[in-house]
Amino acid sequence: MQIAKNTVVVLHYELLDIDGRLIEKTDEPIEYLHGGYQGIFPLVEEALDGKNAGDSCRIRLEPDDAFGEYDAELVHVEPRSKFSGDVAVGMQFEGTGDDSGESVIYTVTDIAEDKVVVDGNHPLAGRTLDFSCTVAAVRSATAEEVRHGHVHDPHGHHH
């Protein structure tokens, strides 16, 4: 079966930086609903369209094709008193990014005596990446998966 709109695609992938260093690799394959459901980067979805199980591809993702440009305005230095309990580098929390009220996930990147640095950028923002994948399987999506816009596990509905 060829990858087309409303098919479920099962992939093994590697994500590398432009120097070929491995950033992430699947141990188990991932699944996504193909056809514009935002389950995978649009450029990857475009490259996979029409492929079959066993096919491979490699796609160079510029920042705008992946996690966006780095936005220095999403980095904030906050008073430590704003944080309750133990705060540690790597902790994440949800906040608003700007006047739009849009939700942003912030990561604590540094802690000084009375200050905490938080960054709302994705860790890979601003980076060019190489996405390599091999199609493990392709199947027709169920009507329920298409209605919900995502893949369900073998036991039915999954969010």
Protein backbone atom coordinates (compact mmCIF):
# COMPACT_ATOMS: atom_id res chain seq x y z
CA MET A 1 0.00 0.00 0.00
CA GLN A 2 1.27 3.48 -0.87
CA ILE A 3 1.34 6.36 1.60
CA ALA A 4 -1.54 8.70 0.80
CA LYS A 5 -4.07 10.86 2.64
CA ASN A 6 -5.76 8.98 5.48
CA THR A 7 -3.18 6.23 5.78
CA VAL A 8 -1.37 5.36 8.98
CA VAL A 9 2.39 5.40 8.45
CA VAL A 10 4.77 3.48 10.70
CA LEU A 11 8.35 4.83 10.64
CA HIS A 12 11.78 4.26 12.07
CA TYR A 13 13.69 7.54 12.05
CA GLU A 14 16.90 9.30 13.00
CA LEU A 15 17.25 13.01 13.58
CA LEU A 16 20.76 14.37 13.05
CA ASP A 17 22.35 17.80 13.14
CA ILE A 18 23.97 19.11 9.96
CA ASP A 19 27.33 17.71 11.09
CA GLY A 20 25.85 14.21 11.18
CA ARG A 21 25.67 13.94 14.98
CA LEU A 22 22.73 11.88 16.20
CA ILE A 23 20.13 13.87 18.15
CA GLU A 24 17.37 11.29 18.37
CA LYS A 25 16.67 7.79 17.09
CA THR A 26 13.63 5.58 17.45
CA ASP A 27 13.95 2.35 19.38
CA GLU A 28 10.38 1.50 18.51
CA PRO A 29 8.68 2.80 15.36
CA ILE A 30 6.38 5.81 15.50
CA GLU A 31 2.99 6.07 13.80
CA TYR A 32 1.24 9.09 12.38
CA LEU A 33 -1.88 9.81 10.35
CA HIS A 34 -0.83 11.02 6.90
CA GLY A 35 -2.64 13.81 5.12
CA GLY A 36 -2.21 17.15 6.85
CA TYR A 37 -3.09 16.22 10.44
CA GLN A 38 0.11 17.77 11.90
CA GLY A 39 1.39 14.37 13.06
CA ILE A 40 4.81 14.96 11.49
CA PHE A 41 6.71 17.84 9.88
CA PRO A 42 4.92 18.90 6.66
CA LEU A 43 8.12 18.62 4.59
CA VAL A 44 8.62 15.03 5.80
CA GLU A 45 5.01 14.20 5.03
CA GLU A 46 5.43 15.64 1.53
CA ALA A 47 8.57 13.54 0.94
CA LEU A 48 6.82 10.37 2.15
CA ASP A 49 3.73 10.80 -0.02
CA GLY A 50 3.54 7.86 -2.47
CA LYS A 51 6.21 5.78 -0.68
CA ASN A 52 5.71 2.13 0.33
CA ALA A 53 6.82 -0.06 3.22
CA GLY A 54 10.59 -0.56 2.97
CA ASP A 55 11.23 2.80 1.28
CA SER A 56 13.61 5.29 2.89
CA CYS A 57 14.19 9.00 2.56
CA ARG A 58 16.30 11.78 4.00
CA ILE A 59 15.01 15.33 4.33
CA ARG A 60 16.96 18.46 5.28
CA LEU A 61 14.80 20.56 7.60
CA GLU A 62 15.64 24.24 7.89
CA PRO A 63 14.50 25.87 11.15
CA ASP A 64 11.24 27.10 9.59
CA ASP A 65 10.50 23.51 8.46
CA ALA A 66 11.04 22.06 11.94
CA PHE A 67 11.08 23.86 15.30
CA GLY A 68 11.24 27.47 14.09
CA GLU A 69 13.82 30.17 14.48
CA TYR A 70 15.28 30.86 17.90
CA ASP A 71 13.38 33.74 19.54
CA ALA A 72 15.46 35.63 22.12
CA GLU A 73 12.26 37.26 23.40
CA LEU A 74 11.18 33.88 24.78
CA VAL A 75 14.11 33.89 27.22
CA HIS A 76 13.29 35.51 30.56
CA VAL A 77 15.15 36.10 33.80
CA GLU A 78 12.70 35.77 36.68
CA PRO A 79 13.09 36.28 40.41
CA ARG A 80 13.54 32.96 42.20
CA SER A 81 10.72 33.97 44.54
CA LYS A 82 8.28 33.39 41.64
CA PHE A 83 8.96 29.65 41.89
CA SER A 84 7.59 27.59 44.72
CA GLY A 85 9.63 24.73 46.18
CA ASP A 86 12.72 23.31 44.60
CA VAL A 87 13.47 24.64 41.15
CA ALA A 88 16.06 22.84 39.02
CA VAL A 89 17.61 23.19 35.58
CA GLY A 90 15.57 21.17 33.09
CA MET A 91 12.23 21.65 34.84
CA GLN A 92 9.42 22.65 32.52
CA PHE A 93 6.20 24.54 33.03
CA GLU A 94 3.48 26.12 30.95
CA GLY A 95 3.08 29.86 30.61
CA THR A 96 2.01 32.48 28.10
CA GLY A 97 4.47 33.69 25.47
CA ASP A 98 3.23 37.19 24.67
CA ASP A 99 0.16 39.37 24.41
CA SER A 100 -1.56 36.71 22.28
CA GLY A 101 -2.06 34.57 25.37
CA GLU A 102 -0.74 31.55 23.44
CA SER A 103 0.52 28.75 25.67
CA VAL A 104 4.30 28.16 25.72
CA ILE A 105 6.33 25.44 27.46
CA TYR A 106 9.24 27.04 29.31
CA THR A 107 12.37 25.18 30.40
CA VAL A 108 14.56 26.31 33.29
CA THR A 109 18.02 26.73 31.74
CA ASP A 110 20.00 28.40 34.53
CA ILE A 111 19.69 29.26 38.20
CA ALA A 112 21.64 31.89 40.10
CA GLU A 113 21.25 32.88 43.75
CA ASP A 114 18.04 34.86 43.34
CA LYS A 115 17.34 34.55 39.60
CA VAL A 116 15.98 31.81 37.33
CA VAL A 117 16.45 31.82 33.54
CA VAL A 118 13.58 30.26 31.58
CA ASP A 119 13.49 29.62 27.83
CA GLY A 120 10.29 29.17 25.81
CA ASN A 121 12.11 28.03 22.68
CA HIS A 122 12.10 24.39 21.67
CA PRO A 123 15.59 22.96 22.39
CA LEU A 124 16.12 22.47 18.65
CA ALA A 125 14.83 25.91 17.58
CA GLY A 126 17.09 27.68 15.12
CA ARG A 127 18.85 24.48 14.03
CA THR A 128 18.99 22.86 10.61
CA LEU A 129 18.31 19.14 10.93
CA ASP A 130 18.50 16.02 8.79
CA PHE A 131 15.56 13.64 9.18
CA SER A 132 16.21 10.11 7.88
CA CYS A 133 13.49 7.49 7.94
CA THR A 134 12.44 4.09 6.71
CA VAL A 135 8.79 3.19 6.26
CA ALA A 136 8.05 0.06 8.30
CA ALA A 137 4.37 -0.27 7.37
CA VAL A 138 1.41 1.52 5.83
CA ARG A 139 -2.26 0.80 6.45
CA SER A 140 -5.60 2.47 5.84
CA ALA A 141 -6.73 4.64 8.73
CA THR A 142 -9.96 3.73 10.45
CA ALA A 143 -12.93 6.07 10.12
CA GLU A 144 -12.54 6.94 13.80
CA GLU A 145 -8.85 7.84 13.35
CA VAL A 146 -9.73 10.12 10.43
CA ARG A 147 -12.55 11.77 12.43
CA HIS A 148 -10.22 12.37 15.38
CA GLY A 149 -7.23 13.35 13.24
CA HIS A 150 -4.73 10.98 14.87
CA VAL A 151 -3.75 7.31 15.18
CA HIS A 152 -5.38 5.15 17.82
CA ASP A 153 -3.68 2.29 19.58
CA PRO A 154 -4.83 -1.29 18.93
CA HIS A 155 -7.27 -1.08 21.84
CA GLY A 156 -9.23 1.82 20.37
CA HIS A 157 -9.38 5.45 21.36
CA HIS A 158 -6.12 6.94 22.60
CA HIS A 159 -5.25 10.54 23.52
